[in-house]
Every structure is written in C-alpha cells, then in structure tokens.
C-alpha cells in the first residue's frame, strides 16, 4: 500500500492508490488508515475525497520503504523470470549498489534492453555472459557514488526502479529532495 506513495511529495486519492495496488477501496482504506494512525501517512480530505501522502518527518520511513521495496522485488521476481535472472546475477557477482530502472521494470518482455545503475568501486565481471543468457542488451551506468548521478536520471529512476542491492542507501538517495 505504500509503494505508490513512496517517492512522491504529493497527496494521492484513495481510488488511485487502490487502482495501482489492485485492491478494493475498502481494503485499501483499512490499511492506509492503519498506516495513518501509526504516523507513516498523512491523511486529508478534499471535499468527499480521501487523500494520502507519506509522512517524511517520520523517522521510520526508510524502514517502511525498505520493506515495500523488498516486497516489490520479490513479487516481480516471482512474476518475471528475466528479472529474476538479472537479480540473481547481481546477487552472485557484485555487492555494489545496484538497481534496475526504465522499461525493463515495467515489463521485461517488451523492453529492448535492460538499464542498470551500479554505484561503487568494485568491478562487475561477466556482463557479456548476462547479455547472452538473457538475449538482451544490458546498459550499465556505473558511478563511483550515488551523488554522481545527474538529477534528471535520479528523477527517471525515482519513477520506475527495482532495488537489487543496498536497499537502505538507495532509498535514502531516492528520497532526498
């Protein structure tokens, strides 16, 4: 229920959140109200509309975001074998910070290539082996540290990503204003 709200500073309508998470309004309202009572979400009313947004002042936001990100990764890996292969490859071959972004995250079958951001100093071996195995081009953007990423790329990543390694550091970087 948090995923649609994680990287937005704006309020979202209950119906929009329900549509994104594919759960009936009543069920979504129950869980969102629970998160609001715990101080994770802020709720407001605009006329008859119930609106929610993340409470960025709550010190546990990063922890809740890590849980949401890991749940998303596991779900996508269960549903998409290509992404599962990519995630397995990175778990086996590097402990650099790594995330998938772009069209692959939306649907790997339609994506022409796989976009990956890696931050860290360790070398990634066997990229070609991954390309052959997946029968897709792998486009890797490698930076020394996350702060080297351009703001426009950070905004693109914020919209559509799957965090593979180093969730906490990646989430803090994405959540930065």
Protein backbone atom coordinates (compact mmCIF):
# COMPACT_ATOMS: atom_id res chain seq x y z
CA UNK A 1 0.00 0.00 0.00
CA UNK A 2 2.97 2.32 0.45
CA UNK A 3 4.58 1.72 -2.92
CA UNK A 4 2.53 4.29 -4.90
CA UNK A 5 3.28 6.92 -2.25
CA UNK A 6 6.96 6.19 -1.59
CA UNK A 7 8.67 8.71 -3.83
CA UNK A 8 6.00 11.37 -4.21
CA UNK A 9 5.62 14.51 -2.14
CA UNK A 10 2.02 14.92 -3.33
CA UNK A 11 -1.22 13.61 -1.92
CA UNK A 12 -2.87 10.71 -3.76
CA UNK A 13 -6.54 9.85 -3.85
CA UNK A 14 -7.64 6.59 -2.27
CA UNK A 15 -9.12 5.38 -5.60
CA UNK A 16 -5.81 5.93 -7.39
CA UNK A 17 -3.87 4.02 -4.73
CA UNK A 18 -6.43 1.18 -4.86
CA UNK A 19 -6.16 1.01 -8.65
CA UNK A 20 -2.34 0.85 -8.56
CA UNK A 21 -2.17 -1.86 -5.90
CA UNK A 22 -5.16 -3.68 -7.46
CA UNK A 23 -7.10 -3.96 -4.22
CA UNK A 24 -10.70 -2.85 -3.49
CA UNK A 25 -11.20 0.62 -1.96
CA UNK A 26 -12.47 -0.74 1.35
CA UNK A 27 -9.42 -2.95 1.84
CA UNK A 28 -7.03 -0.17 0.83
CA UNK A 29 -8.76 2.31 3.15
CA UNK A 30 -8.39 -0.11 6.08
CA UNK A 31 -4.62 -0.50 5.63
CA UNK A 32 -3.98 3.15 4.74
CA UNK A 33 -5.89 4.31 7.82
CA UNK A 34 -3.81 1.95 9.95
CA UNK A 35 -0.61 3.47 8.48
CA UNK A 36 -2.00 6.96 9.10
CA UNK A 37 -2.67 6.11 12.76
CA UNK A 38 0.93 4.89 13.04
CA UNK A 39 2.17 8.22 11.68
CA UNK A 40 3.54 6.76 8.44
CA UNK A 41 0.95 8.52 6.27
CA UNK A 42 -0.76 11.89 6.39
CA UNK A 43 -4.46 11.94 5.53
CA UNK A 44 -6.55 14.88 4.42
CA UNK A 45 -9.96 15.39 2.90
CA UNK A 46 -10.72 17.43 -0.19
CA UNK A 47 -14.49 17.60 -0.17
CA UNK A 48 -15.55 13.96 -0.30
CA UNK A 49 -12.14 12.73 -1.48
CA UNK A 50 -9.76 11.00 0.94
CA UNK A 51 -6.14 11.85 0.14
CA UNK A 52 -2.92 10.31 1.50
CA UNK A 53 0.77 11.05 1.34
CA UNK A 54 3.90 9.77 3.03
CA UNK A 55 4.87 11.47 6.28
CA UNK A 56 8.51 12.26 5.51
CA UNK A 57 9.02 13.55 9.05
CA UNK A 58 8.56 10.07 10.49
CA UNK A 59 11.95 8.56 11.35
CA UNK A 60 10.83 5.07 10.31
CA UNK A 61 10.05 5.99 6.69
CA UNK A 62 13.28 4.44 5.39
CA UNK A 63 12.47 1.19 7.22
CA UNK A 64 8.94 1.05 5.84
CA UNK A 65 10.28 1.89 2.35
CA UNK A 66 12.84 -0.94 2.61
CA UNK A 67 10.07 -3.42 3.38
CA UNK A 68 7.95 -2.12 0.50
CA UNK A 69 10.91 -2.23 -1.91
CA UNK A 70 11.86 -5.80 -0.92
CA UNK A 71 8.24 -6.95 -1.27
CA UNK A 72 8.11 -5.37 -4.73
CA UNK A 73 11.38 -7.06 -5.76
CA UNK A 74 10.24 -10.49 -4.58
CA UNK A 75 6.86 -10.10 -6.33
CA UNK A 76 8.42 -9.03 -9.62
CA UNK A 77 10.96 -11.88 -9.45
CA UNK A 78 8.10 -14.36 -8.92
CA UNK A 79 6.26 -12.99 -11.96
CA UNK A 80 9.15 -12.24 -14.34
CA UNK A 81 11.86 -14.84 -14.89
CA UNK A 82 14.10 -12.47 -16.86
CA UNK A 83 14.23 -10.00 -13.99
CA UNK A 84 14.77 -12.90 -11.58
CA UNK A 85 17.83 -13.89 -13.65
CA UNK A 86 19.18 -10.32 -13.56
CA UNK A 87 18.69 -10.06 -9.80
CA UNK A 88 20.33 -13.46 -9.23
CA UNK A 89 23.25 -12.45 -11.44
CA UNK A 90 23.87 -9.30 -9.41
CA UNK A 91 23.50 -11.07 -6.08
CA UNK A 92 26.16 -13.56 -7.21
CA UNK A 93 28.56 -11.18 -8.96
CA UNK A 94 28.73 -7.92 -7.02
CA UNK A 95 27.94 -6.27 -3.74
CA UNK A 96 27.95 -2.81 -5.34
CA UNK A 97 24.81 -0.76 -5.00
CA UNK A 98 22.62 -1.84 -7.92
CA UNK A 99 19.17 -1.18 -9.29
CA UNK A 100 17.16 -1.80 -12.44
CA UNK A 101 15.27 1.10 -13.95
CA UNK A 102 13.35 2.11 -17.03
CA UNK A 103 11.19 -0.01 -19.32
CA UNK A 104 12.51 -3.34 -18.02
CA UNK A 105 10.87 -2.71 -14.65
CA UNK A 106 7.50 -2.09 -16.33
CA UNK A 107 7.70 -5.26 -18.40
CA UNK A 108 10.83 -7.09 -19.43
CA UNK A 109 9.22 -8.84 -22.42
CA UNK A 110 8.54 -5.54 -24.21
CA UNK A 111 11.80 -3.86 -23.18
CA UNK A 112 14.53 -3.64 -25.82
CA UNK A 113 17.33 -3.52 -23.28
CA UNK A 114 18.00 -3.67 -19.57
CA UNK A 115 19.04 -0.47 -17.80
CA UNK A 116 21.07 -0.89 -14.63
CA UNK A 117 22.64 1.66 -12.31
CA UNK A 118 25.66 0.50 -10.32
CA UNK A 119 27.39 2.62 -7.71
CA UNK A 120 30.66 1.55 -6.15
CA UNK A 121 34.26 0.85 -6.90
CA UNK A 122 34.16 -2.90 -7.42
CA UNK A 123 34.37 -4.17 -10.97
CA UNK A 124 31.46 -6.09 -12.45
CA UNK A 125 32.61 -9.20 -14.25
CA UNK A 126 30.82 -11.14 -16.94
CA UNK A 127 28.37 -8.54 -18.29
CA UNK A 128 28.60 -10.22 -21.72
CA UNK A 129 27.61 -13.57 -20.20
CA UNK A 130 24.46 -11.92 -18.83
CA UNK A 131 23.61 -10.41 -22.23
CA UNK A 132 23.99 -13.77 -23.96
CA UNK A 133 21.97 -15.58 -21.31
CA UNK A 134 19.11 -13.05 -21.46
CA UNK A 135 19.33 -12.35 -25.21
CA UNK A 136 19.06 -8.62 -24.45
CA UNK A 137 21.47 -5.71 -24.41
CA UNK A 138 22.45 -4.69 -20.91
CA UNK A 139 23.08 -0.96 -20.47
CA UNK A 140 25.05 -0.30 -17.29
CA UNK A 141 25.57 3.16 -15.88
CA UNK A 142 28.45 2.92 -13.40
CA UNK A 143 29.21 5.71 -10.96
CA UNK A 144 31.60 5.91 -8.06
CA UNK A 145 28.88 7.10 -5.69
CA UNK A 146 25.18 7.86 -5.96
CA UNK A 147 25.73 11.62 -5.71
CA UNK A 148 27.48 11.42 -9.11
CA UNK A 149 24.17 10.59 -10.80
CA UNK A 150 22.57 13.51 -12.64
CA UNK A 151 19.35 14.92 -11.23
CA UNK A 152 17.41 14.06 -14.41
CA UNK A 153 18.50 10.41 -14.19
CA UNK A 154 17.64 10.32 -10.48
CA UNK A 155 14.13 11.56 -11.31
CA UNK A 156 13.76 8.89 -14.02
CA UNK A 157 14.92 6.21 -11.57
CA UNK A 158 12.51 7.52 -8.94
CA UNK A 159 9.57 6.82 -11.29
CA UNK A 160 10.40 3.21 -12.12
CA UNK A 161 13.02 1.06 -10.41
CA UNK A 162 13.78 -2.18 -8.63
CA UNK A 163 16.48 -2.05 -5.99
CA UNK A 164 18.73 -5.12 -6.17
CA UNK A 165 21.49 -4.41 -3.60
CA UNK A 166 21.98 -1.95 -0.73
CA UNK A 167 18.32 -1.04 -0.25
CA UNK A 168 18.74 1.37 2.65
CA UNK A 169 21.36 3.53 0.96
CA UNK A 170 19.44 3.53 -2.34
CA UNK A 171 16.18 4.50 -0.64
CA UNK A 172 17.78 7.38 1.24
CA UNK A 173 19.27 8.62 -2.03
CA UNK A 174 15.95 8.37 -3.90
CA UNK A 175 14.03 10.04 -1.05
CA UNK A 176 16.38 13.05 -0.98
CA UNK A 177 14.64 16.28 -2.03
